[in-house]
PDB file of N, CA and C in Angstrom:
ATOM      1  N   MET A   1      12.597 -28.851  -9.445  1.00  0.00           N
ATOM      2  CA  MET A   1      11.376 -28.072  -9.474  1.00  0.00           C
ATOM      3  C   MET A   1      10.163 -28.919  -9.139  1.00  0.00           C
ATOM      4  N   GLU A   2      10.286 -30.217  -9.368  1.00  0.00           N
ATOM      5  CA  GLU A   2       9.144 -31.105  -9.187  1.00  0.00           C
ATOM      6  C   GLU A   2       8.584 -31.031  -7.771  1.00  0.00           C
ATOM      7  N   GLY A   3       9.450 -30.850  -6.768  1.00  0.00           N
ATOM      8  CA  GLY A   3       8.993 -30.786  -5.380  1.00  0.00           C
ATOM      9  C   GLY A   3       8.158 -29.558  -5.075  1.00  0.00           C
ATOM     10  N   PHE A   4       8.212 -28.563  -5.934  1.00  0.00           N
ATOM     11  CA  PHE A   4       7.483 -27.325  -5.694  1.00  0.00           C
ATOM     12  C   PHE A   4       6.142 -27.281  -6.401  1.00  0.00           C
ATOM     13  N   MET A   5       5.766 -28.330  -7.078  1.00  0.00           N
ATOM     14  CA  MET A   5       4.529 -28.333  -7.853  1.00  0.00           C
ATOM     15  C   MET A   5       3.543 -29.370  -7.317  1.00  0.00           C
ATOM     16  N   ASN A   6       2.276 -29.102  -7.499  1.00  0.00           N
ATOM     17  CA  ASN A   6       1.242 -30.090  -7.221  1.00  0.00           C
ATOM     18  C   ASN A   6       1.226 -31.106  -8.344  1.00  0.00           C
ATOM     19  N   ASP A   7       0.491 -32.186  -8.159  1.00  0.00           N
ATOM     20  CA  ASP A   7       0.404 -33.222  -9.189  1.00  0.00           C
ATOM     21  C   ASP A   7      -0.106 -32.680 -10.515  1.00  0.00           C
ATOM     22  N   ASP A   8      -0.962 -31.657 -10.456  1.00  0.00           N
ATOM     23  CA  ASP A   8      -1.511 -31.104 -11.701  1.00  0.00           C
ATOM     24  C   ASP A   8      -0.599 -30.044 -12.331  1.00  0.00           C
ATOM     25  N   GLY A   9       0.597 -29.845 -11.752  1.00  0.00           N
ATOM     26  CA  GLY A   9       1.539 -28.886 -12.314  1.00  0.00           C
ATOM     27  C   GLY A   9       1.418 -27.486 -11.751  1.00  0.00           C
ATOM     28  N   SER A  10       0.425 -27.264 -10.900  1.00  0.00           N
ATOM     29  CA  SER A  10       0.253 -25.934 -10.321  1.00  0.00           C
ATOM     30  C   SER A  10       1.104 -25.807  -9.053  1.00  0.00           C
ATOM     31  N   ALA A  11       1.401 -24.566  -8.692  1.00  0.00           N
ATOM     32  CA  ALA A  11       2.171 -24.331  -7.475  1.00  0.00           C
ATOM     33  C   ALA A  11       1.274 -24.530  -6.260  1.00  0.00           C
ATOM     34  N   PRO A  12       1.806 -25.112  -5.202  1.00  0.00           N
ATOM     35  CA  PRO A  12       0.982 -25.314  -4.005  1.00  0.00           C
ATOM     36  C   PRO A  12       0.695 -23.998  -3.301  1.00  0.00           C
ATOM     37  N   VAL A  13      -0.459 -23.912  -2.671  1.00  0.00           N
ATOM     38  CA  VAL A  13      -0.820 -22.693  -1.949  1.00  0.00           C
ATOM     39  C   VAL A  13       0.122 -22.482  -0.768  1.00  0.00           C
ATOM     40  N   SER A  14       0.788 -23.531  -0.318  1.00  0.00           N
ATOM     41  CA  SER A  14       1.733 -23.389   0.783  1.00  0.00           C
ATOM     42  C   SER A  14       2.975 -22.598   0.367  1.00  0.00           C
ATOM     43  N   ASP A  15       3.192 -22.427  -0.931  1.00  0.00           N
ATOM     44  CA  ASP A  15       4.287 -21.601  -1.422  1.00  0.00           C
ATOM     45  C   ASP A  15       3.938 -20.151  -1.082  1.00  0.00           C
ATOM     46  N   PRO A  16       4.726 -19.484  -0.220  1.00  0.00           N
ATOM     47  CA  PRO A  16       4.366 -18.128   0.229  1.00  0.00           C
ATOM     48  C   PRO A  16       4.252 -17.105  -0.898  1.00  0.00           C
ATOM     49  N   ILE A  17       5.082 -17.220  -1.913  1.00  0.00           N
ATOM     50  CA  ILE A  17       5.009 -16.264  -3.026  1.00  0.00           C
ATOM     51  C   ILE A  17       3.719 -16.467  -3.810  1.00  0.00           C
ATOM     52  N   PHE A  18       3.390 -17.719  -4.082  1.00  0.00           N
ATOM     53  CA  PHE A  18       2.164 -18.022  -4.799  1.00  0.00           C
ATOM     54  C   PHE A  18       0.945 -17.619  -3.977  1.00  0.00           C
ATOM     55  N   ALA A  19       0.975 -17.902  -2.679  1.00  0.00           N
ATOM     56  CA  ALA A  19      -0.140 -17.534  -1.804  1.00  0.00           C
ATOM     57  C   ALA A  19      -0.329 -16.019  -1.782  1.00  0.00           C
ATOM     58  N   ARG A  20       0.774 -15.255  -1.733  1.00  0.00           N
ATOM     59  CA  ARG A  20       0.675 -13.790  -1.733  1.00  0.00           C
ATOM     60  C   ARG A  20       0.127 -13.293  -3.063  1.00  0.00           C
ATOM     61  N   ALA A  21       0.535 -13.934  -4.173  1.00  0.00           N
ATOM     62  CA  ALA A  21       0.022 -13.544  -5.487  1.00  0.00           C
ATOM     63  C   ALA A  21      -1.479 -13.766  -5.569  1.00  0.00           C
ATOM     64  N   LEU A  22      -1.945 -14.901  -5.052  1.00  0.00           N
ATOM     65  CA  LEU A  22      -3.391 -15.170  -5.046  1.00  0.00           C
ATOM     66  C   LEU A  22      -4.137 -14.161  -4.176  1.00  0.00           C
ATOM     67  N   GLU A  23      -3.559 -13.844  -3.026  1.00  0.00           N
ATOM     68  CA  GLU A  23      -4.165 -12.867  -2.127  1.00  0.00           C
ATOM     69  C   GLU A  23      -4.242 -11.494  -2.794  1.00  0.00           C
ATOM     70  N   LEU A  24      -3.159 -11.082  -3.437  1.00  0.00           N
ATOM     71  CA  LEU A  24      -3.125  -9.792  -4.123  1.00  0.00           C
ATOM     72  C   LEU A  24      -4.141  -9.749  -5.250  1.00  0.00           C
ATOM     73  N   ARG A  25      -4.232 -10.821  -6.037  1.00  0.00           N
ATOM     74  CA  ARG A  25      -5.212 -10.877  -7.127  1.00  0.00           C
ATOM     75  C   ARG A  25      -6.634 -10.757  -6.573  1.00  0.00           C
ATOM     76  N   ALA A  26      -6.915 -11.433  -5.457  1.00  0.00           N
ATOM     77  CA  ALA A  26      -8.248 -11.357  -4.843  1.00  0.00           C
ATOM     78  C   ALA A  26      -8.539  -9.934  -4.352  1.00  0.00           C
ATOM     79  N   GLU A  27      -7.537  -9.270  -3.783  1.00  0.00           N
ATOM     80  CA  GLU A  27      -7.714  -7.886  -3.325  1.00  0.00           C
ATOM     81  C   GLU A  27      -8.055  -6.969  -4.493  1.00  0.00           C
ATOM     82  N   VAL A  28      -7.331  -7.123  -5.585  1.00  0.00           N
ATOM     83  CA  VAL A  28      -7.573  -6.290  -6.774  1.00  0.00           C
ATOM     84  C   VAL A  28      -8.967  -6.572  -7.330  1.00  0.00           C
ATOM     85  N   GLU A  29      -9.355  -7.830  -7.395  1.00  0.00           N
ATOM     86  CA  GLU A  29     -10.686  -8.178  -7.910  1.00  0.00           C
ATOM     87  C   GLU A  29     -11.794  -7.598  -7.026  1.00  0.00           C
ATOM     88  N   ARG A  30     -11.627  -7.677  -5.713  1.00  0.00           N
ATOM     89  CA  ARG A  30     -12.634  -7.083  -4.808  1.00  0.00           C
ATOM     90  C   ARG A  30     -12.725  -5.578  -5.036  1.00  0.00           C
ATOM     91  N   PHE A  31     -11.576  -4.940  -5.195  1.00  0.00           N
ATOM     92  CA  PHE A  31     -11.557  -3.499  -5.417  1.00  0.00           C
ATOM     93  C   PHE A  31     -12.243  -3.137  -6.726  1.00  0.00           C
ATOM     94  N   THR A  32     -11.876  -3.809  -7.808  1.00  0.00           N
ATOM     95  CA  THR A  32     -12.455  -3.475  -9.114  1.00  0.00           C
ATOM     96  C   THR A  32     -13.924  -3.873  -9.207  1.00  0.00           C
ATOM     97  N   ASP A  33     -14.358  -4.873  -8.435  1.00  0.00           N
ATOM     98  CA  ASP A  33     -15.789  -5.204  -8.384  1.00  0.00           C
ATOM     99  C   ASP A  33     -16.566  -4.080  -7.706  1.00  0.00           C
ATOM    100  N   ARG A  34     -15.965  -3.490  -6.693  1.00  0.00           N
ATOM    101  CA  ARG A  34     -16.650  -2.424  -5.949  1.00  0.00           C
ATOM    102  C   ARG A  34     -16.580  -1.085  -6.678  1.00  0.00           C
ATOM    103  N   TRP A  35     -15.426  -0.786  -7.253  1.00  0.00           N
ATOM    104  CA  TRP A  35     -15.232   0.494  -7.940  1.00  0.00           C
ATOM    105  C   TRP A  35     -14.753   0.211  -9.351  1.00  0.00           C
ATOM    106  N   SER A  36     -15.652   0.265 -10.283  1.00  0.00           N
ATOM    107  CA  SER A  36     -15.261   0.043 -11.674  1.00  0.00           C
ATOM    108  C   SER A  36     -14.373   1.205 -12.129  1.00  0.00           C
ATOM    109  N   PRO A  37     -13.501   0.960 -13.096  1.00  0.00           N
ATOM    110  CA  PRO A  37     -12.608   2.031 -13.560  1.00  0.00           C
ATOM    111  C   PRO A  37     -13.395   3.244 -14.053  1.00  0.00           C
ATOM    112  N   LEU A  38     -12.876   4.411 -13.736  1.00  0.00           N
ATOM    113  CA  LEU A  38     -13.493   5.658 -14.190  1.00  0.00           C
ATOM    114  C   LEU A  38     -13.076   5.949 -15.627  1.00  0.00           C
ATOM    115  N   ALA A  39     -13.891   6.729 -16.302  1.00  0.00           N
ATOM    116  CA  ALA A  39     -13.535   7.161 -17.656  1.00  0.00           C
ATOM    117  C   ALA A  39     -12.271   8.010 -17.576  1.00  0.00           C
ATOM    118  N   GLU A  40     -11.505   7.993 -18.641  1.00  0.00           N
ATOM    119  CA  GLU A  40     -10.281   8.795 -18.674  1.00  0.00           C
ATOM    120  C   GLU A  40     -10.624  10.265 -18.436  1.00  0.00           C
ATOM    121  N   THR A  41      -9.878  10.886 -17.556  1.00  0.00           N
ATOM    122  CA  THR A  41     -10.057  12.308 -17.264  1.00  0.00           C
ATOM    123  C   THR A  41      -8.701  12.991 -17.435  1.00  0.00           C
ATOM    124  N   GLU A  42      -8.678  14.286 -17.159  1.00  0.00           N
ATOM    125  CA  GLU A  42      -7.405  14.978 -17.304  1.00  0.00           C
ATOM    126  C   GLU A  42      -6.407  14.452 -16.275  1.00  0.00           C
ATOM    127  N   PRO A  43      -5.131  14.482 -16.614  1.00  0.00           N
ATOM    128  CA  PRO A  43      -4.105  13.939 -15.717  1.00  0.00           C
ATOM    129  C   PRO A  43      -4.071  14.670 -14.380  1.00  0.00           C
ATOM    130  N   CYS A  44      -3.676  13.942 -13.386  1.00  0.00           N
ATOM    131  CA  CYS A  44      -3.553  14.483 -12.035  1.00  0.00           C
ATOM    132  C   CYS A  44      -2.087  14.817 -11.773  1.00  0.00           C
ATOM    133  N   LEU A  45      -1.831  15.369 -10.623  1.00  0.00           N
ATOM    134  CA  LEU A  45      -0.455  15.650 -10.223  1.00  0.00           C
ATOM    135  C   LEU A  45       0.379  14.370 -10.220  1.00  0.00           C
ATOM    136  N   THR A  46       1.640  14.528 -10.432  1.00  0.00           N
ATOM    137  CA  THR A  46       2.552  13.410 -10.251  1.00  0.00           C
ATOM    138  C   THR A  46       3.604  13.827  -9.236  1.00  0.00           C
ATOM    139  N   PHE A  47       4.033  12.874  -8.441  1.00  0.00           N
ATOM    140  CA  PHE A  47       5.097  13.111  -7.475  1.00  0.00           C
ATOM    141  C   PHE A  47       5.770  11.783  -7.206  1.00  0.00           C
ATOM    142  N   SER A  48       6.940  11.852  -6.616  1.00  0.00           N
ATOM    143  CA  SER A  48       7.714  10.636  -6.378  1.00  0.00           C
ATOM    144  C   SER A  48       7.330  10.006  -5.034  1.00  0.00           C
ATOM    145  N   TRP A  49       7.656   8.726  -4.925  1.00  0.00           N
ATOM    146  CA  TRP A  49       7.456   8.039  -3.645  1.00  0.00           C
ATOM    147  C   TRP A  49       8.292   8.721  -2.565  1.00  0.00           C
ATOM    148  N   GLU A  50       9.475   9.186  -2.933  1.00  0.00           N
ATOM    149  CA  GLU A  50      10.352   9.856  -1.977  1.00  0.00           C
ATOM    150  C   GLU A  50       9.722  11.155  -1.468  1.00  0.00           C
ATOM    151  N   ALA A  51       9.079  11.909  -2.359  1.00  0.00           N
ATOM    152  CA  ALA A  51       8.418  13.149  -1.943  1.00  0.00           C
ATOM    153  C   ALA A  51       7.251  12.843  -1.009  1.00  0.00           C
ATOM    154  N   LEU A  52       6.475  11.813  -1.327  1.00  0.00           N
ATOM    155  CA  LEU A  52       5.372  11.403  -0.448  1.00  0.00           C
ATOM    156  C   LEU A  52       5.908  11.043   0.925  1.00  0.00           C
ATOM    157  N   GLU A  53       6.936  10.228   0.949  1.00  0.00           N
ATOM    158  CA  GLU A  53       7.507   9.790   2.223  1.00  0.00           C
ATOM    159  C   GLU A  53       8.061  10.970   3.020  1.00  0.00           C
ATOM    160  N   ARG A  54       8.789  11.854   2.354  1.00  0.00           N
ATOM    161  CA  ARG A  54       9.371  13.001   3.050  1.00  0.00           C
ATOM    162  C   ARG A  54       8.298  13.870   3.694  1.00  0.00           C
ATOM    163  N   GLN A  55       7.221  14.130   2.959  1.00  0.00           N
ATOM    164  CA  GLN A  55       6.156  14.976   3.500  1.00  0.00           C
ATOM    165  C   GLN A  55       5.411  14.285   4.648  1.00  0.00           C
ATOM    166  N   LEU A  56       5.166  12.987   4.520  1.00  0.00           N
ATOM    167  CA  LEU A  56       4.474  12.270   5.596  1.00  0.00           C
ATOM    168  C   LEU A  56       5.329  12.183   6.855  1.00  0.00           C
ATOM    169  N   VAL A  57       6.627  11.988   6.694  1.00  0.00           N
ATOM    170  CA  VAL A  57       7.527  11.971   7.857  1.00  0.00           C
ATOM    171  C   VAL A  57       7.464  13.324   8.557  1.00  0.00           C
ATOM    172  N   GLU A  58       7.493  14.397   7.780  1.00  0.00           N
ATOM    173  CA  GLU A  58       7.437  15.741   8.366  1.00  0.00           C
ATOM    174  C   GLU A  58       6.110  15.989   9.089  1.00  0.00           C
ATOM    175  N   LEU A  59       5.019  15.469   8.535  1.00  0.00           N
ATOM    176  CA  LEU A  59       3.698  15.694   9.125  1.00  0.00           C
ATOM    177  C   LEU A  59       3.393  14.764  10.304  1.00  0.00           C
ATOM    178  N   ALA A  60       4.118  13.674  10.423  1.00  0.00           N
ATOM    179  CA  ALA A  60       3.839  12.698  11.482  1.00  0.00           C
ATOM    180  C   ALA A  60       4.009  13.344  12.854  1.00  0.00           C
ATOM    181  N   PRO A  61       3.009  13.169  13.723  1.00  0.00           N
ATOM    182  CA  PRO A  61       3.063  13.819  15.027  1.00  0.00           C
ATOM    183  C   PRO A  61       4.037  13.176  16.018  1.00  0.00           C
ATOM    184  N   THR A  62       4.481  11.955  15.792  1.00  0.00           N
ATOM    185  CA  THR A  62       5.414  11.295  16.717  1.00  0.00           C
ATOM    186  C   THR A  62       6.540  10.632  15.930  1.00  0.00           C
ATOM    187  N   ASP A  63       7.627  10.370  16.627  1.00  0.00           N
ATOM    188  CA  ASP A  63       8.751   9.671  15.996  1.00  0.00           C
ATOM    189  C   ASP A  63       8.344   8.268  15.564  1.00  0.00           C
ATOM    190  N   LEU A  64       7.525   7.609  16.362  1.00  0.00           N
ATOM    191  CA  LEU A  64       7.065   6.262  16.022  1.00  0.00           C
ATOM    192  C   LEU A  64       6.259   6.278  14.720  1.00  0.00           C
ATOM    193  N   GLN A  65       5.361   7.236  14.589  1.00  0.00           N
ATOM    194  CA  GLN A  65       4.568   7.333  13.367  1.00  0.00           C
ATOM    195  C   GLN A  65       5.438   7.735  12.179  1.00  0.00           C
ATOM    196  N   ALA A  66       6.440   8.571  12.421  1.00  0.00           N
ATOM    197  CA  ALA A  66       7.370   8.937  11.345  1.00  0.00           C
ATOM    198  C   ALA A  66       8.132   7.698  10.869  1.00  0.00           C
ATOM    199  N   GLU A  67       8.540   6.841  11.796  1.00  0.00           N
ATOM    200  CA  GLU A  67       9.227   5.603  11.426  1.00  0.00           C
ATOM    201  C   GLU A  67       8.286   4.673  10.664  1.00  0.00           C
ATOM    202  N   LEU A  68       7.035   4.648  11.057  1.00  0.00           N
ATOM    203  CA  LEU A  68       6.041   3.815  10.397  1.00  0.00           C
ATOM    204  C   LEU A  68       5.868   4.220   8.929  1.00  0.00           C
ATOM    205  N   VAL A  69       6.007   5.491   8.642  1.00  0.00           N
ATOM    206  CA  VAL A  69       5.869   5.999   7.274  1.00  0.00           C
ATOM    207  C   VAL A  69       6.805   5.249   6.332  1.00  0.00           C
ATOM    208  N   HIS A  70       8.052   5.073   6.725  1.00  0.00           N
ATOM    209  CA  HIS A  70       9.033   4.412   5.864  1.00  0.00           C
ATOM    210  C   HIS A  70       8.551   3.015   5.459  1.00  0.00           C
ATOM    211  N   ARG A  71       8.075   2.261   6.422  1.00  0.00           N
ATOM    212  CA  ARG A  71       7.614   0.896   6.145  1.00  0.00           C
ATOM    213  C   ARG A  71       6.361   0.882   5.282  1.00  0.00           C
ATOM    214  N   LEU A  72       5.418   1.770   5.579  1.00  0.00           N
ATOM    215  CA  LEU A  72       4.164   1.796   4.826  1.00  0.00           C
ATOM    216  C   LEU A  72       4.371   2.229   3.380  1.00  0.00           C
ATOM    217  N   VAL A  73       5.191   3.229   3.173  1.00  0.00           N
ATOM    218  CA  VAL A  73       5.452   3.685   1.805  1.00  0.00           C
ATOM    219  C   VAL A  73       6.173   2.590   1.026  1.00  0.00           C
ATOM    220  N   GLU A  74       7.154   1.962   1.638  1.00  0.00           N
ATOM    221  CA  GLU A  74       7.908   0.921   0.936  1.00  0.00           C
ATOM    222  C   GLU A  74       7.006  -0.243   0.556  1.00  0.00           C
ATOM    223  N   ARG A  75       6.158  -0.677   1.465  1.00  0.00           N
ATOM    224  CA  ARG A  75       5.261  -1.803   1.173  1.00  0.00           C
ATOM    225  C   ARG A  75       4.258  -1.430   0.073  1.00  0.00           C
ATOM    226  N   THR A  76       3.728  -0.229   0.136  1.00  0.00           N
ATOM    227  CA  THR A  76       2.779   0.218  -0.879  1.00  0.00           C
ATOM    228  C   THR A  76       3.465   0.310  -2.243  1.00  0.00           C
ATOM    229  N   LYS A  77       4.673   0.821  -2.252  1.00  0.00           N
ATOM    230  CA  LYS A  77       5.448   0.974  -3.486  1.00  0.00           C
ATOM    231  C   LYS A  77       5.721  -0.384  -4.142  1.00  0.00           C
ATOM    232  N   VAL A  78       6.021  -1.393  -3.341  1.00  0.00           N
ATOM    233  CA  VAL A  78       6.346  -2.723  -3.866  1.00  0.00           C
ATOM    234  C   VAL A  78       5.207  -3.285  -4.710  1.00  0.00           C
ATOM    235  N   TYR A  79       3.974  -3.118  -4.252  1.00  0.00           N
ATOM    236  CA  TYR A  79       2.832  -3.729  -4.928  1.00  0.00           C
ATOM    237  C   TYR A  79       2.052  -2.760  -5.819  1.00  0.00           C
ATOM    238  N   ALA A  80       2.435  -1.493  -5.853  1.00  0.00           N
ATOM    239  CA  ALA A  80       1.670  -0.479  -6.597  1.00  0.00           C
ATOM    240  C   ALA A  80       1.517  -0.796  -8.077  1.00  0.00           C
ATOM    241  N   GLY A  81       2.532  -1.347  -8.694  1.00  0.00           N
ATOM    242  CA  GLY A  81       2.472  -1.639 -10.120  1.00  0.00           C
ATOM    243  C   GLY A  81       1.507  -2.756 -10.472  1.00  0.00           C
ATOM    244  N   LEU A  82       1.081  -3.510  -9.472  1.00  0.00           N
ATOM    245  CA  LEU A  82       0.164  -4.631  -9.702  1.00  0.00           C
ATOM    246  C   LEU A  82      -1.287  -4.269  -9.414  1.00  0.00           C
ATOM    247  N   LYS A  83      -1.516  -3.026  -9.018  1.00  0.00           N
ATOM    248  CA  LYS A  83      -2.855  -2.599  -8.608  1.00  0.00           C
ATOM    249  C   LYS A  83      -3.331  -1.419  -9.445  1.00  0.00           C
ATOM    250  N   PRO A  84      -4.657  -1.238  -9.532  1.00  0.00           N
ATOM    251  CA  PRO A  84      -5.172  -0.023 -10.188  1.00  0.00           C
ATOM    252  C   PRO A  84      -4.719   1.219  -9.409  1.00  0.00           C
ATOM    253  N   ALA A  85      -4.483   2.301 -10.110  1.00  0.00           N
ATOM    254  CA  ALA A  85      -4.006   3.542  -9.475  1.00  0.00           C
ATOM    255  C   ALA A  85      -4.933   3.995  -8.351  1.00  0.00           C
ATOM    256  N   GLU A  86      -6.245   3.867  -8.553  1.00  0.00           N
ATOM    257  CA  GLU A  86      -7.193   4.296  -7.516  1.00  0.00           C
ATOM    258  C   GLU A  86      -7.060   3.443  -6.257  1.00  0.00           C
ATOM    259  N   MET A  87      -6.722   2.187  -6.416  1.00  0.00           N
ATOM    260  CA  MET A  87      -6.520   1.318  -5.262  1.00  0.00           C
ATOM    261  C   MET A  87      -5.280   1.752  -4.467  1.00  0.00           C
ATOM    262  N   VAL A  88      -4.223   2.124  -5.181  1.00  0.00           N
ATOM    263  CA  VAL A  88      -3.012   2.619  -4.521  1.00  0.00           C
ATOM    264  C   VAL A  88      -3.320   3.937  -3.820  1.00  0.00           C
ATOM    265  N   LEU A  89      -4.083   4.799  -4.478  1.00  0.00           N
ATOM    266  CA  LEU A  89      -4.486   6.070  -3.862  1.00  0.00           C
ATOM    267  C   LEU A  89      -5.228   5.817  -2.556  1.00  0.00           C
ATOM    268  N   ARG A  90      -6.147   4.876  -2.563  1.00  0.00           N
ATOM    269  CA  ARG A  90      -6.910   4.547  -1.357  1.00  0.00           C
ATOM    270  C   ARG A  90      -5.975   4.069  -0.241  1.00  0.00           C
ATOM    271  N   GLU A  91      -5.001   3.234  -0.580  1.00  0.00           N
ATOM    272  CA  GLU A  91      -4.053   2.751   0.424  1.00  0.00           C
ATOM    273  C   GLU A  91      -3.234   3.900   0.998  1.00  0.00           C
ATOM    274  N   VAL A  92      -2.790   4.810   0.133  1.00  0.00           N
ATOM    275  CA  VAL A  92      -2.025   5.970   0.600  1.00  0.00           C
ATOM    276  C   VAL A  92      -2.881   6.823   1.537  1.00  0.00           C
ATOM    277  N   LEU A  93      -4.133   7.037   1.177  1.00  0.00           N
ATOM    278  CA  LEU A  93      -5.022   7.827   2.042  1.00  0.00           C
ATOM    279  C   LEU A  93      -5.241   7.137   3.392  1.00  0.00           C
ATOM    280  N   CYS A  94      -5.394   5.842   3.370  1.00  0.00           N
ATOM    281  CA  CYS A  94      -5.607   5.092   4.621  1.00  0.00           C
ATOM    282  C   CYS A  94      -4.392   5.163   5.531  1.00  0.00           C
ATOM    283  N   PHE A  95      -3.207   4.929   4.975  1.00  0.00           N
ATOM    284  CA  PHE A  95      -2.066   4.979   5.886  1.00  0.00           C
ATOM    285  C   PHE A  95      -1.709   6.407   6.267  1.00  0.00           C
ATOM    286  N   THR A  96      -2.066   7.376   5.449  1.00  0.00           N
ATOM    287  CA  THR A  96      -1.872   8.773   5.837  1.00  0.00           C
ATOM    288  C   THR A  96      -2.739   9.118   7.046  1.00  0.00           C
ATOM    289  N   ALA A  97      -3.986   8.666   7.030  1.00  0.00           N
ATOM    290  CA  ALA A  97      -4.878   8.895   8.181  1.00  0.00           C
ATOM    291  C   ALA A  97      -4.299   8.255   9.440  1.00  0.00           C
ATOM    292  N   LEU A  98      -3.764   7.060   9.307  1.00  0.00           N
ATOM    293  CA  LEU A  98      -3.152   6.371  10.444  1.00  0.00           C
ATOM    294  C   LEU A  98      -1.949   7.144  10.966  1.00  0.00           C
ATOM    295  N   VAL A  99      -1.099   7.580  10.061  1.00  0.00           N
ATOM    296  CA  VAL A  99       0.109   8.292  10.451  1.00  0.00           C
ATOM    297  C   VAL A  99      -0.221   9.625  11.116  1.00  0.00           C
ATOM    298  N   LEU A 100      -1.241  10.308  10.633  1.00  0.00           N
ATOM    299  CA  LEU A 100      -1.569  11.631  11.165  1.00  0.00           C
ATOM    300  C   LEU A 100      -2.451  11.589  12.407  1.00  0.00           C
ATOM    301  N   ASP A 101      -2.872  10.420  12.819  1.00  0.00           N
ATOM    302  CA  ASP A 101      -3.729  10.281  13.991  1.00  0.00           C
ATOM    303  C   ASP A 101      -2.940  10.606  15.257  1.00  0.00           C
ATOM    304  N   GLU A 102      -3.294  11.680  15.902  1.00  0.00           N
ATOM    305  CA  GLU A 102      -2.616  12.124  17.123  1.00  0.00           C
ATOM    306  C   GLU A 102      -3.317  11.623  18.383  1.00  0.00           C
ATOM    307  N   SER A 103      -4.398  10.906  18.256  1.00  0.00           N
ATOM    308  CA  SER A 103      -5.241  10.586  19.409  1.00  0.00           C
ATOM    309  C   SER A 103      -4.613   9.649  20.425  1.00  0.00           C
ATOM    310  N   SER A 104      -3.701   8.773  19.998  1.00  0.00           N
ATOM    311  CA  SER A 104      -3.220   7.781  20.946  1.00  0.00           C
ATOM    312  C   SER A 104      -1.754   7.922  21.335  1.00  0.00           C
ATOM    313  N   LEU A 105      -1.055   8.872  20.764  1.00  0.00           N
ATOM    314  CA  LEU A 105       0.368   8.992  21.052  1.00  0.00           C
ATOM    315  C   LEU A 105       0.735  10.417  21.416  1.00  0.00           C
ATOM    316  N   GLU A 106       1.811  10.556  22.182  1.00  0.00           N
ATOM    317  CA  GLU A 106       2.301  11.869  22.552  1.00  0.00           C
ATOM    318  C   GLU A 106       2.885  12.566  21.333  1.00  0.00           C
ATOM    319  N   VAL A 107       2.497  13.791  21.094  1.00  0.00           N
ATOM    320  CA  VAL A 107       2.894  14.541  19.911  1.00  0.00           C
ATOM    321  C   VAL A 107       4.335  15.040  20.071  1.00  0.00           C
ATOM    322  N   ARG A 108       5.109  14.965  18.957  1.00  0.00           N
ATOM    323  CA  ARG A 108       6.473  15.474  18.950  1.00  0.00           C
ATOM    324  C   ARG A 108       6.442  16.992  19.136  1.00  0.00           C
ATOM    325  N   PRO A 109       7.468  17.554  19.757  1.00  0.00           N
ATOM    326  CA  PRO A 109       7.544  19.013  19.867  1.00  0.00           C
ATOM    327  C   PRO A 109       7.507  19.668  18.496  1.00  0.00           C
ATOM    328  N   GLY A 110       6.727  20.714  18.354  1.00  0.00           N
ATOM    329  CA  GLY A 110       6.628  21.450  17.101  1.00  0.00           C
ATOM    330  C   GLY A 110       5.671  20.832  16.086  1.00  0.00           C
ATOM    331  N   HIS A 111       4.928  19.781  16.452  1.00  0.00           N
ATOM    332  CA  HIS A 111       4.008  19.107  15.543  1.00  0.00           C
ATOM    333  C   HIS A 111       2.604  19.042  16.140  1.00  0.00           C
ATOM    334  N   SER A 112       2.045  20.152  16.505  1.00  0.00           N
ATOM    335  CA  SER A 112       0.682  20.088  17.077  1.00  0.00           C
ATOM    336  C   SER A 112      -0.357  20.599  16.148  1.00  0.00           C
TER     337      SER A 112
END
């Protein structure tokens, strides 16, 4: 283990897992600095990651964008537990806009 630590006992930034953890922590801090947590309100809808993915695949105007949905949902799901719920919501909204953008690709038949 000694080869993986700096002289002060900390993990080197060159360690990809440690670097990603620092990056993720910085992202969360920037988000929470900009949008402080809201007061508790009534619960919102709940749905599964699978339901989100299924609906986005169906709504995607092209096969390429439908394929992109799988990767985006999986990546968002991996880090969702480490982020505030509103931050995950924002990410879902952003990639949904990307997936539904018909401006640059030929639309699949039946998806106009």
